Amino acid sequence: MVNEREEIRRQVKEIVGNRPVRWTDHRITKGDFPGRDWCLNVFDVPSKERRELRHRLWELLSKFYDEKGLALLVLFHTPENTDRYYAWVRQEHAAEMAGAT
């Protein structure tokens, strides 16, 4: 059975395509901030694609807020910053995709 957080992550992954999507954890951010429990990170998103992805995610984010009172935060990371700071995310994503096939 899939829990609520994994179902949300699955839906976001479907919208953003074959990009790594992870919940914020201690490896992604050192500090704490309000809403951290409901913050998703999407990696390998070129700056020029962010606006379109925000528009594509808007309906889903609005639905979560309206139905559950859940303010889901989505952070985008460029391919350059993914290379620099989060290269391990790609390895985990590849392993996850290999397990899904």
N, C-alpha and C. Protein backbone atom coordinates (compact mmCIF):
# COMPACT_ATOMS: atom_id res chain seq x y z
N MET A 1 0.84 -1.18 0.00
CA MET A 1 0.00 0.00 0.00
C MET A 1 0.89 1.25 0.00
N VAL A 2 0.52 2.22 -0.80
CA VAL A 2 1.28 3.45 -0.93
C VAL A 2 0.73 4.47 0.05
N ASN A 3 1.62 5.11 0.80
CA ASN A 3 1.15 6.14 1.73
C ASN A 3 0.90 7.46 1.00
N GLU A 4 0.30 8.40 1.70
CA GLU A 4 -0.10 9.67 1.10
C GLU A 4 1.08 10.43 0.50
N ARG A 5 2.18 10.49 1.22
CA ARG A 5 3.34 11.23 0.71
C ARG A 5 3.89 10.61 -0.57
N GLU A 6 3.95 9.30 -0.65
CA GLU A 6 4.46 8.67 -1.87
C GLU A 6 3.48 8.83 -3.02
N GLU A 7 2.20 8.86 -2.74
CA GLU A 7 1.21 9.09 -3.78
C GLU A 7 1.34 10.52 -4.32
N ILE A 8 1.56 11.47 -3.44
CA ILE A 8 1.76 12.85 -3.87
C ILE A 8 3.03 12.95 -4.72
N ARG A 9 4.10 12.33 -4.27
CA ARG A 9 5.36 12.35 -5.03
C ARG A 9 5.16 11.73 -6.41
N ARG A 10 4.42 10.63 -6.48
CA ARG A 10 4.15 9.96 -7.75
C ARG A 10 3.41 10.90 -8.70
N GLN A 11 2.41 11.61 -8.18
CA GLN A 11 1.64 12.52 -9.01
C GLN A 11 2.50 13.68 -9.52
N VAL A 12 3.35 14.22 -8.67
CA VAL A 12 4.24 15.30 -9.10
C VAL A 12 5.22 14.78 -10.15
N LYS A 13 5.79 13.58 -9.94
CA LYS A 13 6.71 12.99 -10.92
C LYS A 13 6.04 12.83 -12.27
N GLU A 14 4.78 12.43 -12.26
CA GLU A 14 4.05 12.26 -13.50
C GLU A 14 3.95 13.58 -14.26
N ILE A 15 3.73 14.66 -13.55
CA ILE A 15 3.58 15.98 -14.17
C ILE A 15 4.91 16.53 -14.69
N VAL A 16 6.00 16.32 -13.94
CA VAL A 16 7.29 16.92 -14.32
C VAL A 16 8.11 16.01 -15.24
N GLY A 17 7.59 14.86 -15.57
CA GLY A 17 8.30 13.97 -16.47
C GLY A 17 9.33 13.13 -15.74
N ASN A 18 10.23 12.60 -16.47
CA ASN A 18 11.22 11.67 -15.92
C ASN A 18 12.37 12.42 -15.25
N ARG A 19 12.02 13.14 -14.19
CA ARG A 19 13.02 13.88 -13.42
C ARG A 19 13.03 13.34 -12.00
N PRO A 20 14.16 13.41 -11.33
CA PRO A 20 14.19 13.00 -9.92
C PRO A 20 13.33 13.94 -9.07
N VAL A 21 12.50 13.35 -8.23
CA VAL A 21 11.65 14.10 -7.30
C VAL A 21 11.84 13.47 -5.93
N ARG A 22 12.20 14.29 -4.94
CA ARG A 22 12.45 13.80 -3.59
C ARG A 22 11.83 14.72 -2.56
N TRP A 23 11.39 14.14 -1.47
CA TRP A 23 10.97 14.95 -0.32
C TRP A 23 12.22 15.54 0.30
N THR A 24 12.11 16.74 0.85
CA THR A 24 13.22 17.38 1.54
C THR A 24 13.62 16.53 2.74
N ASP A 25 14.91 16.31 2.89
CA ASP A 25 15.43 15.59 4.05
C ASP A 25 16.77 16.22 4.45
N HIS A 26 17.43 15.62 5.40
CA HIS A 26 18.69 16.17 5.93
C HIS A 26 19.81 16.24 4.90
N ARG A 27 19.70 15.46 3.81
CA ARG A 27 20.74 15.50 2.79
C ARG A 27 20.55 16.65 1.81
N ILE A 28 19.33 17.15 1.72
CA ILE A 28 19.04 18.21 0.76
C ILE A 28 19.17 19.58 1.40
N THR A 29 18.77 19.71 2.66
CA THR A 29 18.87 21.00 3.34
C THR A 29 19.36 20.78 4.76
N LYS A 30 20.18 21.67 5.21
CA LYS A 30 20.72 21.56 6.57
C LYS A 30 19.78 22.18 7.60
N GLY A 31 19.09 23.22 7.20
CA GLY A 31 18.25 23.95 8.14
C GLY A 31 16.82 23.47 8.15
N ASP A 32 16.08 24.03 9.06
CA ASP A 32 14.66 23.73 9.17
C ASP A 32 13.89 24.97 8.75
N PHE A 33 12.70 24.78 8.23
CA PHE A 33 11.85 25.89 7.84
C PHE A 33 10.41 25.45 7.90
N PRO A 34 9.48 26.38 8.10
CA PRO A 34 8.07 26.02 8.15
C PRO A 34 7.65 25.36 6.84
N GLY A 35 6.97 24.24 6.92
CA GLY A 35 6.51 23.54 5.74
C GLY A 35 7.47 22.50 5.21
N ARG A 36 8.60 22.31 5.88
CA ARG A 36 9.61 21.37 5.39
C ARG A 36 9.05 19.96 5.19
N ASP A 37 8.11 19.55 6.04
CA ASP A 37 7.54 18.21 5.93
C ASP A 37 6.79 17.99 4.62
N TRP A 38 6.34 19.08 4.01
CA TRP A 38 5.57 18.97 2.77
C TRP A 38 6.27 19.72 1.63
N CYS A 39 7.58 19.58 1.56
CA CYS A 39 8.38 20.24 0.53
C CYS A 39 9.01 19.19 -0.38
N LEU A 40 8.68 19.26 -1.66
CA LEU A 40 9.26 18.37 -2.66
C LEU A 40 10.31 19.11 -3.46
N ASN A 41 11.36 18.42 -3.83
CA ASN A 41 12.42 18.96 -4.66
C ASN A 41 12.39 18.25 -6.00
N VAL A 42 12.43 19.03 -7.07
CA VAL A 42 12.48 18.49 -8.42
C VAL A 42 13.83 18.88 -9.00
N PHE A 43 14.58 17.90 -9.44
CA PHE A 43 15.95 18.12 -9.91
C PHE A 43 16.02 18.09 -11.43
N ASP A 44 17.11 18.67 -11.97
CA ASP A 44 17.37 18.70 -13.41
C ASP A 44 16.32 19.47 -14.19
N VAL A 45 15.93 20.63 -13.65
CA VAL A 45 14.95 21.48 -14.33
C VAL A 45 15.68 22.75 -14.82
N PRO A 46 15.86 22.89 -16.12
CA PRO A 46 16.47 24.11 -16.64
C PRO A 46 15.60 25.32 -16.27
N SER A 47 16.25 26.43 -16.02
CA SER A 47 15.54 27.64 -15.61
C SER A 47 14.41 28.00 -16.57
N LYS A 48 14.63 27.81 -17.86
CA LYS A 48 13.63 28.19 -18.86
C LYS A 48 12.38 27.31 -18.80
N GLU A 49 12.44 26.17 -18.12
CA GLU A 49 11.28 25.27 -18.03
C GLU A 49 10.49 25.44 -16.73
N ARG A 50 11.00 26.20 -15.79
CA ARG A 50 10.34 26.33 -14.48
C ARG A 50 8.93 26.89 -14.57
N ARG A 51 8.77 27.93 -15.33
CA ARG A 51 7.46 28.59 -15.42
C ARG A 51 6.40 27.62 -15.94
N GLU A 52 6.72 26.89 -16.99
CA GLU A 52 5.77 25.92 -17.55
C GLU A 52 5.44 24.83 -16.52
N LEU A 53 6.45 24.34 -15.82
CA LEU A 53 6.19 23.30 -14.82
C LEU A 53 5.34 23.82 -13.68
N ARG A 54 5.57 25.05 -13.25
CA ARG A 54 4.72 25.65 -12.21
C ARG A 54 3.26 25.69 -12.67
N HIS A 55 3.05 26.07 -13.91
CA HIS A 55 1.68 26.11 -14.44
C HIS A 55 1.08 24.71 -14.49
N ARG A 56 1.86 23.72 -14.89
CA ARG A 56 1.36 22.35 -14.96
C ARG A 56 1.06 21.78 -13.57
N LEU A 57 1.81 22.21 -12.56
CA LEU A 57 1.61 21.73 -11.19
C LEU A 57 0.49 22.47 -10.46
N TRP A 58 0.12 23.65 -10.93
CA TRP A 58 -0.81 24.51 -10.20
C TRP A 58 -2.12 23.80 -9.86
N GLU A 59 -2.72 23.10 -10.79
CA GLU A 59 -4.00 22.42 -10.53
C GLU A 59 -3.86 21.40 -9.41
N LEU A 60 -2.80 20.62 -9.44
CA LEU A 60 -2.58 19.62 -8.39
C LEU A 60 -2.35 20.28 -7.04
N LEU A 61 -1.51 21.31 -7.00
CA LEU A 61 -1.22 22.00 -5.75
C LEU A 61 -2.48 22.65 -5.18
N SER A 62 -3.29 23.23 -6.05
CA SER A 62 -4.55 23.85 -5.61
C SER A 62 -5.50 22.80 -5.05
N LYS A 63 -5.56 21.65 -5.70
CA LYS A 63 -6.42 20.56 -5.23
C LYS A 63 -6.02 20.11 -3.83
N PHE A 64 -4.73 19.91 -3.61
CA PHE A 64 -4.27 19.50 -2.28
C PHE A 64 -4.64 20.53 -1.22
N TYR A 65 -4.51 21.80 -1.57
CA TYR A 65 -4.82 22.85 -0.60
C TYR A 65 -6.33 22.90 -0.33
N ASP A 66 -7.12 22.86 -1.38
CA ASP A 66 -8.57 22.96 -1.23
C ASP A 66 -9.16 21.75 -0.49
N GLU A 67 -8.68 20.55 -0.81
CA GLU A 67 -9.25 19.32 -0.25
C GLU A 67 -8.67 18.94 1.10
N LYS A 68 -7.39 19.24 1.32
CA LYS A 68 -6.71 18.76 2.52
C LYS A 68 -6.12 19.87 3.38
N GLY A 69 -6.16 21.10 2.88
CA GLY A 69 -5.51 22.20 3.59
C GLY A 69 -4.00 22.06 3.57
N LEU A 70 -3.49 21.35 2.58
CA LEU A 70 -2.07 21.03 2.48
C LEU A 70 -1.38 22.00 1.53
N ALA A 71 -0.48 22.81 2.06
CA ALA A 71 0.28 23.75 1.23
C ALA A 71 1.59 23.08 0.82
N LEU A 72 1.55 22.38 -0.29
CA LEU A 72 2.72 21.68 -0.80
C LEU A 72 3.67 22.67 -1.45
N LEU A 73 4.93 22.63 -1.06
CA LEU A 73 5.96 23.51 -1.62
C LEU A 73 6.81 22.68 -2.57
N VAL A 74 7.06 23.21 -3.76
CA VAL A 74 7.89 22.52 -4.75
C VAL A 74 9.07 23.42 -5.09
N LEU A 75 10.28 22.89 -4.89
CA LEU A 75 11.51 23.61 -5.21
C LEU A 75 12.16 22.96 -6.43
N PHE A 76 12.63 23.80 -7.35
CA PHE A 76 13.29 23.31 -8.55
C PHE A 76 14.79 23.53 -8.45
N HIS A 77 15.55 22.56 -8.95
CA HIS A 77 17.01 22.64 -8.97
C HIS A 77 17.47 22.49 -10.42
N THR A 78 18.31 23.40 -10.87
CA THR A 78 18.82 23.34 -12.24
C THR A 78 19.72 22.12 -12.43
N PRO A 79 19.95 21.70 -13.67
CA PRO A 79 20.90 20.61 -13.90
C PRO A 79 22.30 20.94 -13.37
N GLU A 80 22.69 22.21 -13.49
CA GLU A 80 24.02 22.61 -13.00
C GLU A 80 24.12 22.45 -11.48
N ASN A 81 23.10 22.88 -10.76
CA ASN A 81 23.12 22.73 -9.31
C ASN A 81 22.92 21.28 -8.89
N THR A 82 22.18 20.53 -9.68
CA THR A 82 22.06 19.10 -9.40
C THR A 82 23.43 18.45 -9.51
N ASP A 83 24.18 18.80 -10.56
CA ASP A 83 25.55 18.29 -10.72
C ASP A 83 26.42 18.67 -9.53
N ARG A 84 26.35 19.93 -9.15
CA ARG A 84 27.25 20.47 -8.13
C ARG A 84 26.95 19.94 -6.72
N TYR A 85 25.66 19.90 -6.37
CA TYR A 85 25.32 19.62 -4.98
C TYR A 85 24.58 18.30 -4.74
N TYR A 86 23.94 17.78 -5.77
CA TYR A 86 23.03 16.63 -5.54
C TYR A 86 23.24 15.50 -6.55
N ALA A 87 24.45 15.25 -6.97
CA ALA A 87 24.70 14.21 -7.96
C ALA A 87 24.17 12.85 -7.49
N TRP A 88 24.18 12.61 -6.20
CA TRP A 88 23.69 11.35 -5.65
C TRP A 88 22.21 11.13 -5.94
N VAL A 89 21.47 12.22 -6.16
CA VAL A 89 20.04 12.10 -6.46
C VAL A 89 19.84 11.35 -7.77
N ARG A 90 20.69 11.63 -8.74
CA ARG A 90 20.57 10.94 -10.04
C ARG A 90 20.81 9.45 -9.89
N GLN A 91 21.77 9.07 -9.06
CA GLN A 91 22.03 7.65 -8.84
C GLN A 91 20.83 6.97 -8.20
N GLU A 92 20.25 7.59 -7.20
CA GLU A 92 19.07 7.02 -6.54
C GLU A 92 17.88 6.96 -7.51
N HIS A 93 17.76 7.98 -8.34
CA HIS A 93 16.67 8.01 -9.32
C HIS A 93 16.84 6.87 -10.33
N ALA A 94 18.07 6.66 -10.81
CA ALA A 94 18.34 5.58 -11.76
C ALA A 94 18.02 4.23 -11.14
N ALA A 95 18.41 4.05 -9.89
CA ALA A 95 18.11 2.78 -9.20
C ALA A 95 16.61 2.60 -9.02
N GLU A 96 15.92 3.67 -8.70
CA GLU A 96 14.46 3.61 -8.54
C GLU A 96 13.80 3.25 -9.87
N MET A 97 14.25 3.87 -10.96
CA MET A 97 13.67 3.60 -12.27
C MET A 97 13.97 2.17 -12.70
N ALA A 98 15.16 1.68 -12.39
CA ALA A 98 15.51 0.30 -12.75
C ALA A 98 14.64 -0.70 -12.00
N GLY A 99 14.31 -0.37 -10.75
CA GLY A 99 13.45 -1.24 -9.97
C GLY A 99 12.01 -1.22 -10.42
N ALA A 100 11.61 -0.13 -11.10
CA ALA A 100 10.23 0.02 -11.56
C ALA A 100 9.98 -0.73 -12.85
N THR A 101 11.05 -1.11 -13.55
CA THR A 101 10.87 -1.80 -14.84
C THR A 101 10.79 -3.28 -14.67
